[in-house]
Amino acid sequence: MKLSHIKLMTCMMILTSCMMSCRDELCYNHFPSMEVSLSWEYEWERDYGMNHSENWDESLHGFPYEDLKPGKPEWVNIIRLTSDGSRHEHYIGSDSEVMMVDEGVDHSLLLYNGDTEYIFLSDIASPPDARASATERSRASLAYITEAHPGTRTTNPPDVLYSAYIPNVPPVMNHEVKEVPVKMQPLVFTYLIRYEFEYGFEHVALARGALGGMADSVYLLDGRSSDESTIILYDCDIKDYGCEAHVHSFGVPGFPDKYYGRGAEPDPSRRYTLNLEVRLNNGNYVEYNYDITDQIANQPRGGVIKVSGLRVEDKDSSTPTGFNVVVDDWGDRVDIDLPVSTDK
């Protein structure tokens, strides 16, 4: 009896183990899944003839070419559309991840990094119309550049943004994990802007700039920039030669990026303007404006912009005599609606 009991218990344990193994086998990959594997193209500018990467002068710029390349975002948003009309949203890391999907239908995927602050997205539900725009920013002292680009928004530089679009992933069946490699490409590029002074720069205390005529937004589907333009506002760093800024931009307007498979040339009728405003140690302000259309022509997607020969004249930098009130309006303008009382 005792031996039979032991045999019975042993058989039950073996049977239970087999059942558990079968259950695990049945449950593993029971649902249709995609394994999305991300690769990243870390480019801060596109080469349209300037060959910055090959001709980079590290001694001039003070840092290597690679230092301007963007890093890897923290996470990615996936808009998954199915051929039966449903829409789903997934959040994954920046490397690879498995996500469950609908069985037996075609899929299209729109991907973009979501860790942005100075970008807002519109028309995401429709991939052909989905686009990213920079947030608005205003400044009081922009008379010249706003006249040169009438009716355009003034914005912050956009955050680093990547995207990818997979137009068709064939149906995935139960117990299947379909590998989907995705190359994330940049939609925002960097302009290294150098303002080189030849005289009087020691009197400069603060500096800020503006870049007018750049694209207002970019389409996530194919990297095409919108036809609308904007004026990008930014702050500058003080260097030993003058002022410097690393400015993010969607590039020039109305430009289908050839690196997404569509060749293009910048619209020759468009004009681009560079502004610099400095506050001197004595409280005076000096403004400089330049037409940089010729420099943008071969740099529609990031690059190096340089203006030289800037001067702070003695009449502007001299210490004023007598009583002088300086109102500090250096900060950007913020419009606030104040309550108006009708009580008398």
C-alpha atoms as a PDB file:
ATOM      1  CA  MET A   1       0.000   0.000   0.000  1.00  0.00           C
ATOM      2  CA  LYS A   2       2.737   2.376   0.914  1.00  0.00           C
ATOM      3  CA  LEU A   3       4.648   1.652  -2.322  1.00  0.00           C
ATOM      4  CA  SER A   4       1.484   2.104  -4.409  1.00  0.00           C
ATOM      5  CA  HIS A   5       0.810   5.397  -2.697  1.00  0.00           C
ATOM      6  CA  ILE A   6       4.299   6.636  -3.513  1.00  0.00           C
ATOM      7  CA  LYS A   7       3.924   5.560  -7.143  1.00  0.00           C
ATOM      8  CA  LEU A   8       0.578   7.337  -7.377  1.00  0.00           C
ATOM      9  CA  MET A   9       2.012  10.559  -5.958  1.00  0.00           C
ATOM     10  CA  THR A  10       4.974  10.371  -8.315  1.00  0.00           C
ATOM     11  CA  CYS A  11       2.707   9.925 -11.324  1.00  0.00           C
ATOM     12  CA  MET A  12       0.557  12.874 -10.242  1.00  0.00           C
ATOM     13  CA  MET A  13       3.621  15.111  -9.887  1.00  0.00           C
ATOM     14  CA  ILE A  14       4.850  14.134 -13.344  1.00  0.00           C
ATOM     15  CA  LEU A  15       1.409  14.727 -14.828  1.00  0.00           C
ATOM     16  CA  THR A  16       1.121  18.114 -13.125  1.00  0.00           C
ATOM     17  CA  SER A  17       4.539  19.112 -14.410  1.00  0.00           C
ATOM     18  CA  CYS A  18       3.572  18.110 -17.935  1.00  0.00           C
ATOM     19  CA  MET A  19       0.316  20.041 -17.737  1.00  0.00           C
ATOM     20  CA  MET A  20       2.100  23.132 -16.501  1.00  0.00           C
ATOM     21  CA  SER A  21       4.661  22.826 -19.282  1.00  0.00           C
ATOM     22  CA  CYS A  22       1.910  22.470 -21.838  1.00  0.00           C
ATOM     23  CA  ARG A  23       0.066  25.443 -20.396  1.00  0.00           C
ATOM     24  CA  ASP A  24       3.231  27.546 -20.548  1.00  0.00           C
ATOM     25  CA  GLU A  25       3.801  26.377 -24.091  1.00  0.00           C
ATOM     26  CA  LEU A  26       0.256  27.305 -25.072  1.00  0.00           C
ATOM     27  CA  CYS A  27       0.357  30.722 -23.391  1.00  0.00           C
ATOM     28  CA  TYR A  28       3.749  31.742 -24.700  1.00  0.00           C
ATOM     29  CA  ASN A  29       3.215  33.820 -27.830  1.00  0.00           C
ATOM     30  CA  HIS A  30      -0.475  33.028 -27.694  1.00  0.00           C
ATOM     31  CA  PHE A  31      -1.245  36.600 -28.788  1.00  0.00           C
ATOM     32  CA  PRO A  32       0.051  38.104 -32.037  1.00  0.00           C
ATOM     33  CA  SER A  33       2.964  40.442 -31.311  1.00  0.00           C
ATOM     34  CA  MET A  34       5.457  42.756 -32.939  1.00  0.00           C
ATOM     35  CA  GLU A  35       8.999  43.169 -31.723  1.00  0.00           C
ATOM     36  CA  VAL A  36       9.865  46.747 -32.626  1.00  0.00           C
ATOM     37  CA  SER A  37      13.645  47.248 -32.774  1.00  0.00           C
ATOM     38  CA  LEU A  38      14.789  50.871 -32.975  1.00  0.00           C
ATOM     39  CA  SER A  39      17.950  52.229 -34.536  1.00  0.00           C
ATOM     40  CA  TRP A  40      18.822  55.934 -34.410  1.00  0.00           C
ATOM     41  CA  GLU A  41      20.370  58.295 -36.923  1.00  0.00           C
ATOM     42  CA  TYR A  42      22.273  60.839 -34.843  1.00  0.00           C
ATOM     43  CA  GLU A  43      22.694  63.748 -37.258  1.00  0.00           C
ATOM     44  CA  TRP A  44      22.671  67.451 -36.350  1.00  0.00           C
ATOM     45  CA  GLU A  45      22.892  68.690 -39.959  1.00  0.00           C
ATOM     46  CA  ARG A  46      22.370  67.372 -43.491  1.00  0.00           C
ATOM     47  CA  ASP A  47      25.125  67.874 -46.009  1.00  0.00           C
ATOM     48  CA  TYR A  48      24.016  69.781 -49.108  1.00  0.00           C
ATOM     49  CA  GLY A  49      27.514  70.688 -50.238  1.00  0.00           C
ATOM     50  CA  MET A  50      29.238  72.327 -47.245  1.00  0.00           C
ATOM     51  CA  ASN A  51      31.082  69.177 -46.041  1.00  0.00           C
ATOM     52  CA  HIS A  52      31.176  70.353 -42.430  1.00  0.00           C
ATOM     53  CA  SER A  53      31.944  66.874 -41.084  1.00  0.00           C
ATOM     54  CA  GLU A  54      35.058  66.556 -43.251  1.00  0.00           C
ATOM     55  CA  ASN A  55      36.288  70.137 -42.909  1.00  0.00           C
ATOM     56  CA  TRP A  56      35.487  70.710 -39.240  1.00  0.00           C
ATOM     57  CA  ASP A  57      38.023  72.930 -37.463  1.00  0.00           C
ATOM     58  CA  GLU A  58      37.973  71.841 -33.835  1.00  0.00           C
ATOM     59  CA  SER A  59      40.500  74.490 -32.832  1.00  0.00           C
ATOM     60  CA  LEU A  60      38.221  77.200 -34.235  1.00  0.00           C
ATOM     61  CA  HIS A  61      34.965  75.954 -32.751  1.00  0.00           C
ATOM     62  CA  GLY A  62      36.384  74.636 -29.497  1.00  0.00           C
ATOM     63  CA  PHE A  63      34.654  71.250 -29.689  1.00  0.00           C
ATOM     64  CA  PRO A  64      34.486  68.279 -32.086  1.00  0.00           C
ATOM     65  CA  TYR A  65      31.848  67.924 -34.782  1.00  0.00           C
ATOM     66  CA  GLU A  66      30.227  65.007 -32.931  1.00  0.00           C
ATOM     67  CA  ASP A  67      29.415  67.139 -29.886  1.00  0.00           C
ATOM     68  CA  LEU A  68      26.498  68.720 -31.731  1.00  0.00           C
ATOM     69  CA  LYS A  69      24.881  65.361 -32.498  1.00  0.00           C
ATOM     70  CA  PRO A  70      21.653  64.735 -30.571  1.00  0.00           C
ATOM     71  CA  GLY A  71      21.387  61.931 -28.044  1.00  0.00           C
ATOM     72  CA  LYS A  72      18.982  59.040 -27.719  1.00  0.00           C
ATOM     73  CA  PRO A  73      15.507  59.990 -26.414  1.00  0.00           C
ATOM     74  CA  GLU A  74      14.064  58.323 -23.325  1.00  0.00           C
ATOM     75  CA  TRP A  75      10.931  56.878 -24.876  1.00  0.00           C
ATOM     76  CA  VAL A  76       8.935  56.581 -28.087  1.00  0.00           C
ATOM     77  CA  ASN A  77       5.246  56.882 -28.866  1.00  0.00           C
ATOM     78  CA  ILE A  78       3.775  54.550 -31.511  1.00  0.00           C
ATOM     79  CA  ILE A  79       0.507  55.258 -33.307  1.00  0.00           C
ATOM     80  CA  ARG A  80      -0.675  51.912 -34.701  1.00  0.00           C
ATOM     81  CA  LEU A  81      -3.392  51.990 -37.353  1.00  0.00           C
ATOM     82  CA  THR A  82      -5.051  48.822 -38.656  1.00  0.00           C
ATOM     83  CA  SER A  83      -6.652  48.099 -42.000  1.00  0.00           C
ATOM     84  CA  ASP A  84     -10.017  47.600 -40.262  1.00  0.00           C
ATOM     85  CA  GLY A  85      -9.969  51.237 -39.110  1.00  0.00           C
ATOM     86  CA  SER A  86      -8.922  50.944 -35.468  1.00  0.00           C
ATOM     87  CA  ARG A  87      -6.278  53.133 -33.832  1.00  0.00           C
ATOM     88  CA  HIS A  88      -4.005  52.212 -30.929  1.00  0.00           C
ATOM     89  CA  GLU A  89      -1.257  53.984 -29.028  1.00  0.00           C
ATOM     90  CA  HIS A  90       1.803  52.356 -27.463  1.00  0.00           C
ATOM     91  CA  TYR A  91       4.682  53.694 -25.370  1.00  0.00           C
ATOM     92  CA  ILE A  92       8.000  51.891 -25.564  1.00  0.00           C
ATOM     93  CA  GLY A  93      11.607  52.454 -24.575  1.00  0.00           C
ATOM     94  CA  SER A  94      14.330  53.662 -26.904  1.00  0.00           C
ATOM     95  CA  ASP A  95      15.795  50.281 -27.902  1.00  0.00           C
ATOM     96  CA  SER A  96      13.373  47.429 -28.568  1.00  0.00           C
ATOM     97  CA  GLU A  97      10.161  46.117 -27.125  1.00  0.00           C
ATOM     98  CA  VAL A  98       7.450  43.540 -27.840  1.00  0.00           C
ATOM     99  CA  MET A  99       3.863  44.784 -28.121  1.00  0.00           C
ATOM    100  CA  MET A 100       0.651  42.855 -28.688  1.00  0.00           C
ATOM    101  CA  VAL A 101      -1.298  43.684 -31.863  1.00  0.00           C
ATOM    102  CA  ASP A 102      -4.522  42.740 -33.622  1.00  0.00           C
ATOM    103  CA  GLU A 103      -4.553  39.399 -35.394  1.00  0.00           C
ATOM    104  CA  GLY A 104      -4.895  38.977 -39.147  1.00  0.00           C
ATOM    105  CA  VAL A 105      -4.951  42.636 -40.252  1.00  0.00           C
ATOM    106  CA  ASP A 106      -2.454  44.950 -41.942  1.00  0.00           C
ATOM    107  CA  HIS A 107      -0.847  47.618 -39.782  1.00  0.00           C
ATOM    108  CA  SER A 108       0.825  50.969 -40.322  1.00  0.00           C
ATOM    109  CA  LEU A 109       3.042  52.528 -37.661  1.00  0.00           C
ATOM    110  CA  LEU A 110       3.908  56.157 -36.970  1.00  0.00           C
ATOM    111  CA  LEU A 111       6.672  56.594 -34.388  1.00  0.00           C
ATOM    112  CA  TYR A 112       8.127  59.677 -32.698  1.00  0.00           C
ATOM    113  CA  ASN A 113       9.911  60.424 -29.445  1.00  0.00           C
ATOM    114  CA  GLY A 114       7.660  61.868 -26.792  1.00  0.00           C
ATOM    115  CA  ASP A 115      10.137  63.448 -24.370  1.00  0.00           C
ATOM    116  CA  THR A 116       9.727  66.991 -25.704  1.00  0.00           C
ATOM    117  CA  GLU A 117       8.816  70.272 -24.002  1.00  0.00           C
ATOM    118  CA  TYR A 118       8.881  72.995 -26.678  1.00  0.00           C
ATOM    119  CA  ILE A 119       6.914  71.103 -29.345  1.00  0.00           C
ATOM    120  CA  PHE A 120       3.204  70.538 -29.819  1.00  0.00           C
ATOM    121  CA  LEU A 121       1.754  67.914 -32.151  1.00  0.00           C
ATOM    122  CA  SER A 122      -1.354  68.160 -34.308  1.00  0.00           C
ATOM    123  CA  ASP A 123      -3.421  65.778 -36.487  1.00  0.00           C
ATOM    124  CA  ILE A 124      -1.686  62.720 -35.047  1.00  0.00           C
ATOM    125  CA  ALA A 125      -4.663  60.473 -35.885  1.00  0.00           C
ATOM    126  CA  SER A 126      -3.995  61.042 -39.589  1.00  0.00           C
ATOM    127  CA  PRO A 127      -0.336  60.187 -40.426  1.00  0.00           C
ATOM    128  CA  PRO A 128      -0.245  62.209 -43.684  1.00  0.00           C
ATOM    129  CA  ASP A 129      -1.298  65.332 -41.754  1.00  0.00           C
ATOM    130  CA  ALA A 130       0.540  64.743 -38.470  1.00  0.00           C
ATOM    131  CA  ARG A 131       3.043  67.488 -37.805  1.00  0.00           C
ATOM    132  CA  ALA A 132       5.117  69.068 -35.058  1.00  0.00           C
ATOM    133  CA  SER A 133       5.347  72.802 -34.338  1.00  0.00           C
ATOM    134  CA  ALA A 134       7.412  74.828 -31.885  1.00  0.00           C
ATOM    135  CA  THR A 135       5.793  76.641 -28.976  1.00  0.00           C
ATOM    136  CA  GLU A 136       5.293  80.409 -29.139  1.00  0.00           C
ATOM    137  CA  ARG A 137       7.576  82.960 -27.534  1.00  0.00           C
ATOM    138  CA  SER A 138       7.471  86.733 -27.808  1.00  0.00           C
ATOM    139  CA  ARG A 139       9.907  89.612 -27.472  1.00  0.00           C
ATOM    140  CA  ALA A 140       9.272  93.339 -27.584  1.00  0.00           C
ATOM    141  CA  SER A 141      12.388  94.482 -29.451  1.00  0.00           C
ATOM    142  CA  LEU A 142      12.040  92.783 -32.838  1.00  0.00           C
ATOM    143  CA  ALA A 143      10.955  95.629 -35.097  1.00  0.00           C
ATOM    144  CA  TYR A 144      13.399  95.021 -37.952  1.00  0.00           C
ATOM    145  CA  ILE A 145      13.079  91.264 -38.207  1.00  0.00           C
ATOM    146  CA  THR A 146       9.289  91.234 -37.867  1.00  0.00           C
ATOM    147  CA  GLU A 147       9.071  93.801 -40.662  1.00  0.00           C
ATOM    148  CA  ALA A 148      11.318  91.589 -42.798  1.00  0.00           C
ATOM    149  CA  HIS A 149       8.997  88.610 -42.109  1.00  0.00           C
ATOM    150  CA  PRO A 150       5.524  90.072 -41.640  1.00  0.00           C
ATOM    151  CA  GLY A 151       2.748  87.959 -40.190  1.00  0.00           C
ATOM    152  CA  THR A 152       5.003  85.160 -38.941  1.00  0.00           C
ATOM    153  CA  ARG A 153       4.975  83.603 -35.494  1.00  0.00           C
ATOM    154  CA  THR A 154       7.846  83.995 -33.048  1.00  0.00           C
ATOM    155  CA  THR A 155       8.745  80.710 -31.371  1.00  0.00           C
ATOM    156  CA  ASN A 156      11.132  78.843 -29.141  1.00  0.00           C
ATOM    157  CA  PRO A 157      13.653  76.572 -30.817  1.00  0.00           C
ATOM    158  CA  PRO A 158      12.009  73.132 -31.099  1.00  0.00           C
ATOM    159  CA  ASP A 159      13.247  70.175 -29.086  1.00  0.00           C
ATOM    160  CA  VAL A 160      15.172  67.325 -30.660  1.00  0.00           C
ATOM    161  CA  LEU A 161      12.640  65.243 -32.575  1.00  0.00           C
ATOM    162  CA  TYR A 162      12.859  61.918 -34.390  1.00  0.00           C
ATOM    163  CA  SER A 163      10.220  60.050 -36.353  1.00  0.00           C
ATOM    164  CA  ALA A 164       9.648  57.053 -38.595  1.00  0.00           C
ATOM    165  CA  TYR A 165       6.722  55.757 -40.606  1.00  0.00           C
ATOM    166  CA  ILE A 166       6.131  52.119 -41.564  1.00  0.00           C
ATOM    167  CA  PRO A 167       3.345  52.149 -44.176  1.00  0.00           C
ATOM    168  CA  ASN A 168       2.557  48.449 -44.059  1.00  0.00           C
ATOM    169  CA  VAL A 169       3.262  45.561 -41.701  1.00  0.00           C
ATOM    170  CA  PRO A 170       1.645  42.330 -42.990  1.00  0.00           C
ATOM    171  CA  PRO A 171      -0.850  40.503 -40.764  1.00  0.00           C
ATOM    172  CA  VAL A 172       0.458  38.875 -37.602  1.00  0.00           C
ATOM    173  CA  MET A 173      -1.115  35.598 -36.488  1.00  0.00           C
ATOM    174  CA  ASN A 174      -1.482  33.971 -33.067  1.00  0.00           C
ATOM    175  CA  HIS A 175       1.704  32.465 -31.613  1.00  0.00           C
ATOM    176  CA  GLU A 176       3.739  34.758 -33.902  1.00  0.00           C
ATOM    177  CA  VAL A 177       6.200  37.523 -33.044  1.00  0.00           C
ATOM    178  CA  LYS A 178       6.943  39.609 -36.124  1.00  0.00           C
ATOM    179  CA  GLU A 179      10.226  41.491 -36.117  1.00  0.00           C
ATOM    180  CA  VAL A 180       9.837  45.129 -37.182  1.00  0.00           C
ATOM    181  CA  PRO A 181      13.149  47.025 -37.534  1.00  0.00           C
ATOM    182  CA  VAL A 182      12.636  50.809 -37.464  1.00  0.00           C
ATOM    183  CA  LYS A 183      15.126  53.562 -38.282  1.00  0.00           C
ATOM    184  CA  MET A 184      14.360  56.750 -36.368  1.00  0.00           C
ATOM    185  CA  GLN A 185      15.449  59.811 -38.348  1.00  0.00           C
ATOM    186  CA  PRO A 186      15.889  63.381 -37.091  1.00  0.00           C
ATOM    187  CA  LEU A 187      13.386  66.093 -37.977  1.00  0.00           C
ATOM    188  CA  VAL A 188      15.108  68.895 -36.050  1.00  0.00           C
ATOM    189  CA  PHE A 189      18.565  70.157 -36.945  1.00  0.00           C
ATOM    190  CA  THR A 190      21.094  72.537 -35.404  1.00  0.00           C
ATOM    191  CA  TYR A 191      22.512  75.812 -36.646  1.00  0.00           C
ATOM    192  CA  LEU A 192      25.766  76.829 -35.014  1.00  0.00           C
ATOM    193  CA  ILE A 193      25.564  80.629 -35.131  1.00  0.00           C
ATOM    194  CA  ARG A 194      28.677  82.740 -34.607  1.00  0.00           C
ATOM    195  CA  TYR A 195      28.603  86.525 -34.154  1.00  0.00           C
ATOM    196  CA  GLU A 196      32.218  87.669 -34.419  1.00  0.00           C
ATOM    197  CA  PHE A 197      33.158  91.111 -33.024  1.00  0.00           C
ATOM    198  CA  GLU A 198      36.126  93.139 -34.147  1.00  0.00           C
ATOM    199  CA  TYR A 199      35.800  95.997 -31.649  1.00  0.00           C
ATOM    200  CA  GLY A 200      34.219  96.843 -28.308  1.00  0.00           C
ATOM    201  CA  PHE A 201      32.995  93.402 -27.326  1.00  0.00           C
ATOM    202  CA  GLU A 202      34.321  93.778 -23.781  1.00  0.00           C
ATOM    203  CA  HIS A 203      31.364  96.086 -23.135  1.00  0.00           C
ATOM    204  CA  VAL A 204      28.775  93.366 -23.873  1.00  0.00           C
ATOM    205  CA  ALA A 205      26.998  91.958 -20.812  1.00  0.00           C
ATOM    206  CA  LEU A 206      24.155  89.905 -22.334  1.00  0.00           C
ATOM    207  CA  ALA A 207      23.204  88.754 -25.829  1.00  0.00           C
ATOM    208  CA  ARG A 208      20.211  87.174 -27.539  1.00  0.00           C
ATOM    209  CA  GLY A 209      19.291  86.494 -31.145  1.00  0.00           C
ATOM    210  CA  ALA A 210      16.605  85.662 -33.657  1.00  0.00           C
ATOM    211  CA  LEU A 211      16.581  83.652 -36.882  1.00  0.00           C
ATOM    212  CA  GLY A 212      13.816  84.644 -39.290  1.00  0.00           C
ATOM    213  CA  GLY A 213      12.287  82.797 -42.215  1.00  0.00           C
ATOM    214  CA  MET A 214      12.677  79.215 -40.949  1.00  0.00           C
ATOM    215  CA  ALA A 215       9.996  76.516 -41.182  1.00  0.00           C
ATOM    216  CA  ASP A 216       7.150  76.783 -38.696  1.00  0.00           C
ATOM    217  CA  SER A 217       6.550  73.016 -38.495  1.00  0.00           C
ATOM    218  CA  VAL A 218       7.507  69.615 -39.913  1.00  0.00           C
ATOM    219  CA  TYR A 219       5.460  66.616 -41.052  1.00  0.00           C
ATOM    220  CA  LEU A 220       6.229  63.419 -39.167  1.00  0.00           C
ATOM    221  CA  LEU A 221       5.418  61.143 -42.101  1.00  0.00           C
ATOM    222  CA  ASP A 222       8.266  62.130 -44.409  1.00  0.00           C
ATOM    223  CA  GLY A 223      10.270  64.978 -42.861  1.00  0.00           C
ATOM    224  CA  ARG A 224       8.737  67.599 -45.153  1.00  0.00           C
ATOM    225  CA  SER A 225       8.696  71.072 -43.624  1.00  0.00           C
ATOM    226  CA  SER A 226       5.590  73.245 -43.807  1.00  0.00           C
ATOM    227  CA  ASP A 227       5.263  76.200 -46.148  1.00  0.00           C
ATOM    228  CA  GLU A 228       4.674  78.590 -43.235  1.00  0.00           C
ATOM    229  CA  SER A 229       7.691  80.349 -41.738  1.00  0.00           C
ATOM    230  CA  THR A 230       8.587  81.496 -38.252  1.00  0.00           C
ATOM    231  CA  ILE A 231      11.084  83.625 -36.330  1.00  0.00           C
ATOM    232  CA  ILE A 232      13.066  81.556 -33.818  1.00  0.00           C
ATOM    233  CA  LEU A 233      14.085  83.372 -30.630  1.00  0.00           C
ATOM    234  CA  TYR A 234      17.044  82.219 -28.534  1.00  0.00           C
ATOM    235  CA  ASP A 235      19.680  83.289 -26.021  1.00  0.00           C
ATOM    236  CA  CYS A 236      23.399  83.507 -26.813  1.00  0.00           C
ATOM    237  CA  ASP A 237      26.536  82.518 -24.933  1.00  0.00           C
ATOM    238  CA  ILE A 238      29.400  84.945 -24.495  1.00  0.00           C
ATOM    239  CA  LYS A 239      32.653  83.682 -26.035  1.00  0.00           C
ATOM    240  CA  ASP A 240      36.081  85.258 -26.365  1.00  0.00           C
ATOM    241  CA  TYR A 241      35.409  86.177 -30.010  1.00  0.00           C
ATOM    242  CA  GLY A 242      31.812  87.346 -29.577  1.00  0.00           C
ATOM    243  CA  CYS A 243      28.480  85.559 -29.201  1.00  0.00           C
ATOM    244  CA  GLU A 244      27.472  82.010 -30.037  1.00  0.00           C
ATOM    245  CA  ALA A 245      24.234  80.037 -30.144  1.00  0.00           C
ATOM    246  CA  HIS A 246      23.283  76.457 -31.012  1.00  0.00           C
ATOM    247  CA  VAL A 247      19.792  76.835 -32.444  1.00  0.00           C
ATOM    248  CA  HIS A 248      17.415  73.963 -33.189  1.00  0.00           C
ATOM    249  CA  SER A 249      15.216  74.345 -36.268  1.00  0.00           C
ATOM    250  CA  PHE A 250      12.977  72.377 -38.644  1.00  0.00           C
ATOM    251  CA  GLY A 251      15.076  73.865 -41.455  1.00  0.00           C
ATOM    252  CA  VAL A 252      13.782  75.938 -44.355  1.00  0.00           C
ATOM    253  CA  PRO A 253      10.066  76.026 -45.278  1.00  0.00           C
ATOM    254  CA  GLY A 254       8.441  73.926 -47.989  1.00  0.00           C
ATOM    255  CA  PHE A 255      11.356  71.519 -48.197  1.00  0.00           C
ATOM    256  CA  PRO A 256      10.936  67.763 -48.810  1.00  0.00           C
ATOM    257  CA  ASP A 257      14.018  66.197 -47.265  1.00  0.00           C
ATOM    258  CA  LYS A 258      15.953  64.157 -49.835  1.00  0.00           C
ATOM    259  CA  TYR A 259      17.160  61.870 -47.043  1.00  0.00           C
ATOM    260  CA  TYR A 260      13.586  60.597 -46.825  1.00  0.00           C
ATOM    261  CA  GLY A 261      13.721  59.713 -50.510  1.00  0.00           C
ATOM    262  CA  ARG A 262      12.491  62.996 -51.981  1.00  0.00           C
ATOM    263  CA  GLY A 263      14.919  65.379 -53.650  1.00  0.00           C
ATOM    264  CA  ALA A 264      14.517  69.107 -53.193  1.00  0.00           C
ATOM    265  CA  GLU A 265      16.096  72.518 -53.574  1.00  0.00           C
ATOM    266  CA  PRO A 266      15.392  75.517 -51.314  1.00  0.00           C
ATOM    267  CA  ASP A 267      12.935  78.057 -52.695  1.00  0.00           C
ATOM    268  CA  PRO A 268      15.165  80.870 -54.073  1.00  0.00           C
ATOM    269  CA  SER A 269      12.460  83.488 -53.497  1.00  0.00           C
ATOM    270  CA  ARG A 270      12.570  83.122 -49.714  1.00  0.00           C
ATOM    271  CA  ARG A 271      14.700  85.396 -47.548  1.00  0.00           C
ATOM    272  CA  TYR A 272      16.375  84.599 -44.219  1.00  0.00           C
ATOM    273  CA  THR A 273      17.357  87.121 -41.563  1.00  0.00           C
ATOM    274  CA  LEU A 274      19.698  86.967 -38.584  1.00  0.00           C
ATOM    275  CA  ASN A 275      19.363  89.280 -35.596  1.00  0.00           C
ATOM    276  CA  LEU A 276      21.527  89.989 -32.567  1.00  0.00           C
ATOM    277  CA  GLU A 277      20.671  92.225 -29.645  1.00  0.00           C
ATOM    278  CA  VAL A 278      23.215  92.949 -26.926  1.00  0.00           C
ATOM    279  CA  ARG A 279      22.908  94.748 -23.634  1.00  0.00           C
ATOM    280  CA  LEU A 280      26.023  96.674 -22.697  1.00  0.00           C
ATOM    281  CA  ASN A 281      27.502  97.107 -19.240  1.00  0.00           C
ATOM    282  CA  ASN A 282      26.225 100.703 -19.135  1.00  0.00           C
ATOM    283  CA  GLY A 283      22.638  99.564 -19.763  1.00  0.00           C
ATOM    284  CA  ASN A 284      22.459 100.543 -23.437  1.00  0.00           C
ATOM    285  CA  TYR A 285      21.147  98.200 -26.106  1.00  0.00           C
ATOM    286  CA  VAL A 286      22.678  97.667 -29.532  1.00  0.00           C
ATOM    287  CA  GLU A 287      21.021  95.683 -32.332  1.00  0.00           C
ATOM    288  CA  TYR A 288      22.488  94.071 -35.452  1.00  0.00           C
ATOM    289  CA  ASN A 289      20.590  92.599 -38.428  1.00  0.00           C
ATOM    290  CA  TYR A 290      21.836  90.633 -41.433  1.00  0.00           C
ATOM    291  CA  ASP A 291      20.430  89.014 -44.544  1.00  0.00           C
ATOM    292  CA  ILE A 292      21.853  85.462 -44.508  1.00  0.00           C
ATOM    293  CA  THR A 293      19.947  84.058 -47.494  1.00  0.00           C
ATOM    294  CA  ASP A 294      23.202  83.179 -49.234  1.00  0.00           C
ATOM    295  CA  GLN A 295      24.371  81.154 -46.221  1.00  0.00           C
ATOM    296  CA  ILE A 296      21.094  79.242 -45.873  1.00  0.00           C
ATOM    297  CA  ALA A 297      21.057  78.301 -49.575  1.00  0.00           C
ATOM    298  CA  ASN A 298      23.447  75.372 -49.057  1.00  0.00           C
ATOM    299  CA  GLN A 299      22.380  74.683 -45.485  1.00  0.00           C
ATOM    300  CA  PRO A 300      18.624  74.007 -45.527  1.00  0.00           C
ATOM    301  CA  ARG A 301      18.881  71.439 -42.719  1.00  0.00           C
ATOM    302  CA  GLY A 302      21.351  72.741 -40.135  1.00  0.00           C
ATOM    303  CA  GLY A 303      24.878  74.031 -40.521  1.00  0.00           C
ATOM    304  CA  VAL A 304      27.145  76.917 -39.554  1.00  0.00           C
ATOM    305  CA  ILE A 305      26.106  80.556 -39.896  1.00  0.00           C
ATOM    306  CA  LYS A 306      28.691  83.271 -39.330  1.00  0.00           C
ATOM    307  CA  VAL A 307      28.621  87.053 -39.372  1.00  0.00           C
ATOM    308  CA  SER A 308      31.768  89.030 -38.636  1.00  0.00           C
ATOM    309  CA  GLY A 309      33.039  92.569 -38.256  1.00  0.00           C
ATOM    310  CA  LEU A 310      30.560  93.540 -35.515  1.00  0.00           C
ATOM    311  CA  ARG A 311      31.442  96.623 -33.468  1.00  0.00           C
ATOM    312  CA  VAL A 312      30.340  98.278 -30.268  1.00  0.00           C
ATOM    313  CA  GLU A 313      31.057 101.944 -30.908  1.00  0.00           C
ATOM    314  CA  ASP A 314      32.478 104.203 -28.214  1.00  0.00           C
ATOM    315  CA  LYS A 315      29.400 106.440 -28.250  1.00  0.00           C
ATOM    316  CA  ASP A 316      27.248 103.462 -27.245  1.00  0.00           C
ATOM    317  CA  SER A 317      29.592 102.015 -24.633  1.00  0.00           C
ATOM    318  CA  SER A 318      30.595 105.245 -22.859  1.00  0.00           C
ATOM    319  CA  THR A 319      29.415 105.750 -19.298  1.00  0.00           C
ATOM    320  CA  PRO A 320      26.508 108.243 -19.259  1.00  0.00           C
ATOM    321  CA  THR A 321      26.753 111.368 -17.128  1.00  0.00           C
ATOM    322  CA  GLY A 322      24.006 112.700 -14.917  1.00  0.00           C
ATOM    323  CA  PHE A 323      20.876 110.927 -13.762  1.00  0.00           C
ATOM    324  CA  ASN A 324      19.861 108.070 -16.070  1.00  0.00           C
ATOM    325  CA  VAL A 325      17.042 105.645 -15.452  1.00  0.00           C
ATOM    326  CA  VAL A 326      17.379 102.265 -17.197  1.00  0.00           C
ATOM    327  CA  VAL A 327      14.314 100.059 -17.352  1.00  0.00           C
ATOM    328  CA  ASP A 328      15.311  96.398 -17.548  1.00  0.00           C
ATOM    329  CA  ASP A 329      13.096  94.860 -20.231  1.00  0.00           C
ATOM    330  CA  TRP A 330      15.578  92.147 -21.232  1.00  0.00           C
ATOM    331  CA  GLY A 331      13.187  89.296 -20.466  1.00  0.00           C
ATOM    332  CA  ASP A 332      10.783  87.952 -23.066  1.00  0.00           C
ATOM    333  CA  ARG A 333       7.327  89.491 -23.153  1.00  0.00           C
ATOM    334  CA  VAL A 334       4.512  87.585 -21.494  1.00  0.00           C
ATOM    335  CA  ASP A 335       0.923  88.645 -22.146  1.00  0.00           C
ATOM    336  CA  ILE A 336      -1.275  88.299 -19.035  1.00  0.00           C
ATOM    337  CA  ASP A 337      -5.006  88.976 -18.963  1.00  0.00           C
ATOM    338  CA  LEU A 338      -5.730  91.094 -15.888  1.00  0.00           C
ATOM    339  CA  PRO A 339      -9.223  91.226 -14.352  1.00  0.00           C
ATOM    340  CA  VAL A 340     -10.971  94.539 -14.890  1.00  0.00           C
ATOM    341  CA  SER A 341     -13.277  95.768 -12.171  1.00  0.00           C
ATOM    342  CA  THR A 342     -16.427  97.727 -13.059  1.00  0.00           C
ATOM    343  CA  ASP A 343     -17.007  98.911  -9.490  1.00  0.00           C
ATOM    344  CA  LYS A 344     -16.920 102.655  -8.933  1.00  0.00           C
END
